[in-house]
Structures are given as C-alpha cells and as structure tokens.
Protein backbone atom coordinates (compact mmCIF):
# COMPACT_ATOMS: atom_id res chain seq x y z
CA UNK A 1 -18.72 6.75 -30.18
CA UNK A 2 -18.61 3.01 -30.14
CA UNK A 3 -20.22 1.34 -27.17
CA UNK A 4 -19.97 4.57 -25.14
CA UNK A 5 -16.25 4.90 -25.85
CA UNK A 6 -14.96 7.91 -27.81
CA UNK A 7 -12.79 6.82 -30.72
CA UNK A 8 -9.48 8.59 -31.32
CA UNK A 9 -9.61 10.79 -34.45
CA UNK A 10 -6.95 8.63 -36.14
CA UNK A 11 -9.29 5.60 -36.09
CA UNK A 12 -11.91 7.22 -38.34
CA UNK A 13 -12.05 6.30 -42.00
CA UNK A 14 -9.58 8.36 -44.06
CA UNK A 15 -9.79 6.69 -47.47
CA UNK A 16 -12.58 5.06 -49.48
CA UNK A 17 -11.90 2.43 -52.13
CA UNK A 18 -14.44 2.87 -54.91
CA UNK A 19 -15.04 1.13 -58.22
CA UNK A 20 -14.90 3.54 -61.13
CA UNK A 21 -15.34 1.60 -64.36
CA UNK A 22 -12.73 -1.16 -64.42
CA UNK A 23 -10.44 0.39 -61.82
CA UNK A 24 -10.44 0.93 -58.08
CA UNK A 25 -9.97 4.53 -57.02
CA UNK A 26 -8.68 5.71 -53.65
CA UNK A 27 -10.73 8.72 -52.52
CA UNK A 28 -9.67 10.87 -49.56
CA UNK A 29 -12.64 11.09 -47.20
CA UNK A 30 -12.04 14.83 -46.69
CA UNK A 31 -12.72 15.39 -50.44
CA UNK A 32 -16.17 13.77 -50.29
CA UNK A 33 -19.23 16.05 -50.32
CA UNK A 34 -21.78 13.39 -49.46
CA UNK A 35 -22.69 9.71 -49.36
CA UNK A 36 -26.14 8.58 -50.50
CA UNK A 37 -27.79 5.16 -50.70
CA UNK A 38 -28.50 3.98 -54.24
CA UNK A 39 -30.07 0.50 -54.45
CA UNK A 40 -27.40 -2.02 -53.38
CA UNK A 41 -24.67 0.63 -53.50
CA UNK A 42 -23.74 3.91 -51.86
CA UNK A 43 -22.94 6.91 -54.06
CA UNK A 44 -19.75 8.72 -53.08
CA UNK A 45 -20.00 12.25 -54.46
CA UNK A 46 -17.10 14.68 -54.82
CA UNK A 47 -17.05 18.00 -56.63
CA UNK A 48 -17.22 16.98 -60.29
CA UNK A 49 -16.95 13.23 -59.70
CA UNK A 50 -18.85 10.33 -58.26
CA UNK A 51 -18.29 6.65 -57.59
CA UNK A 52 -20.11 3.68 -56.08
CA UNK A 53 -19.17 1.56 -53.10
CA UNK A 54 -20.84 -1.50 -51.59
CA UNK A 55 -20.71 -0.29 -47.97
CA UNK A 56 -24.16 0.83 -46.70
CA UNK A 57 -24.76 4.26 -45.14
CA UNK A 58 -25.56 2.74 -41.73
CA UNK A 59 -22.05 1.22 -41.59
CA UNK A 60 -20.32 4.34 -42.92
CA UNK A 61 -21.88 6.57 -40.28
CA UNK A 62 -20.09 4.60 -37.53
CA UNK A 63 -16.72 4.82 -39.34
CA UNK A 64 -16.70 8.53 -40.21
CA UNK A 65 -15.71 11.40 -37.90
CA UNK A 66 -19.04 12.68 -36.47
CA UNK A 67 -17.57 16.18 -36.09
CA UNK A 68 -17.21 16.37 -39.87
CA UNK A 69 -19.78 13.97 -41.34
CA UNK A 70 -23.43 14.33 -40.35
CA UNK A 71 -26.20 11.93 -41.14
CA UNK A 72 -29.10 14.06 -42.40
CA UNK A 73 -31.39 11.29 -43.67
CA UNK A 74 -31.40 7.52 -43.30
CA UNK A 75 -29.99 7.43 -46.84
CA UNK A 76 -27.58 10.42 -46.70
CA UNK A 77 -24.46 11.59 -44.90
CA UNK A 78 -23.02 15.03 -45.68
CA UNK A 79 -19.62 16.60 -45.15
CA UNK A 80 -20.62 19.43 -42.79
CA UNK A 81 -17.70 21.59 -43.95
CA UNK A 82 -19.18 21.56 -47.49
CA UNK A 83 -22.65 22.84 -46.54
CA UNK A 84 -23.38 26.00 -48.54
CA UNK A 85 -26.89 26.71 -47.28
CA UNK A 86 -30.25 25.31 -46.21
CA UNK A 87 -33.47 25.86 -48.09
CA UNK A 88 -36.99 25.32 -46.85
CA UNK A 89 -39.23 23.90 -49.58
CA UNK A 90 -42.90 24.75 -50.06
CA UNK A 91 -43.87 22.01 -47.60
CA UNK A 92 -41.52 23.31 -44.90
CA UNK A 93 -38.92 20.56 -45.24
CA UNK A 94 -35.24 21.42 -45.09
CA UNK A 95 -32.93 20.76 -48.01
CA UNK A 96 -29.15 21.13 -48.01
CA UNK A 97 -27.08 22.58 -50.84
CA UNK A 98 -23.38 21.78 -50.82
CA UNK A 99 -20.46 23.68 -52.33
CA UNK A 100 -19.38 21.88 -55.49
CA UNK A 101 -22.73 20.17 -56.18
CA UNK A 102 -26.01 21.22 -57.76
CA UNK A 103 -27.94 18.51 -55.93
CA UNK A 104 -30.21 19.25 -53.00
CA UNK A 105 -30.32 16.70 -50.20
CA UNK A 106 -33.40 16.36 -48.05
CA UNK A 107 -33.03 16.57 -44.27
CA UNK A 108 -35.44 14.16 -42.58
CA UNK A 109 -37.32 15.25 -39.48
CA UNK A 110 -35.24 12.81 -37.43
CA UNK A 111 -32.06 14.79 -38.19
CA UNK A 112 -33.48 18.33 -38.45
CA UNK A 113 -32.36 19.02 -34.85
CA UNK A 114 -28.80 19.54 -36.17
CA UNK A 115 -29.91 22.75 -37.88
CA UNK A 116 -32.21 24.30 -35.30
CA UNK A 117 -29.36 26.21 -33.61
CA UNK A 118 -28.12 27.67 -36.92
C-alpha cells in the first residue's frame, strides 16, 4: 500500500541491480531469500550467492510485494516462500531458518505477530 492505495502486482520490484566485484548483476527478486542491512549497504542473499546494494531496507520494503516479502526486523526482509522453519532460542525469541541458507534471522518483537497464527 502506498498512501492507502493498493499497488497493482506489476508495479512491485521484479529485478535488483547489484554490484558483484567489478560488474553489475541483475537478480530476479523471486530468487532472493532475504535482504539484510549491513552498514551503508543492504545484503541481497540468494541460495549460494550474495551481493550488496545501496538501497536501504526501509525503502525496499515499500517496493516489494508484501504478500511475498515480509519485514521481520528493522534490518531484515525475508522471502516468505523460502521460510523453512521457526526456532525459539533460549531467551524465547523467534529465529527464522530459510531454505537454501544456513543463517538464522532474528524476528523482532515488533514483527512477531506475523507468526502467531502459524
């Protein structure tokens, strides 16, 4: 939603241009597992590959399809179709594991509501 107006699906971001070494790679958004803030950059993580972009997470979240990409932390957006499972750590916080990645992403309390119905 932008200003209370629902965007047509075709207006959501479909490709990401990312710097990989000395070249610019075109990454299909549907192939991305998650986005995560990293200093002045945002990590774009795919299964077996990762790149950096200069667009911050707070901008990306408005450009991605909210039915597919969920913000789970102020610094992280995940591809909901790639979620493998949720784990509760020893302090009771939720962590997400994604298919194709060994990383665990923390779910902040602000976004934990997304997983209460599961």
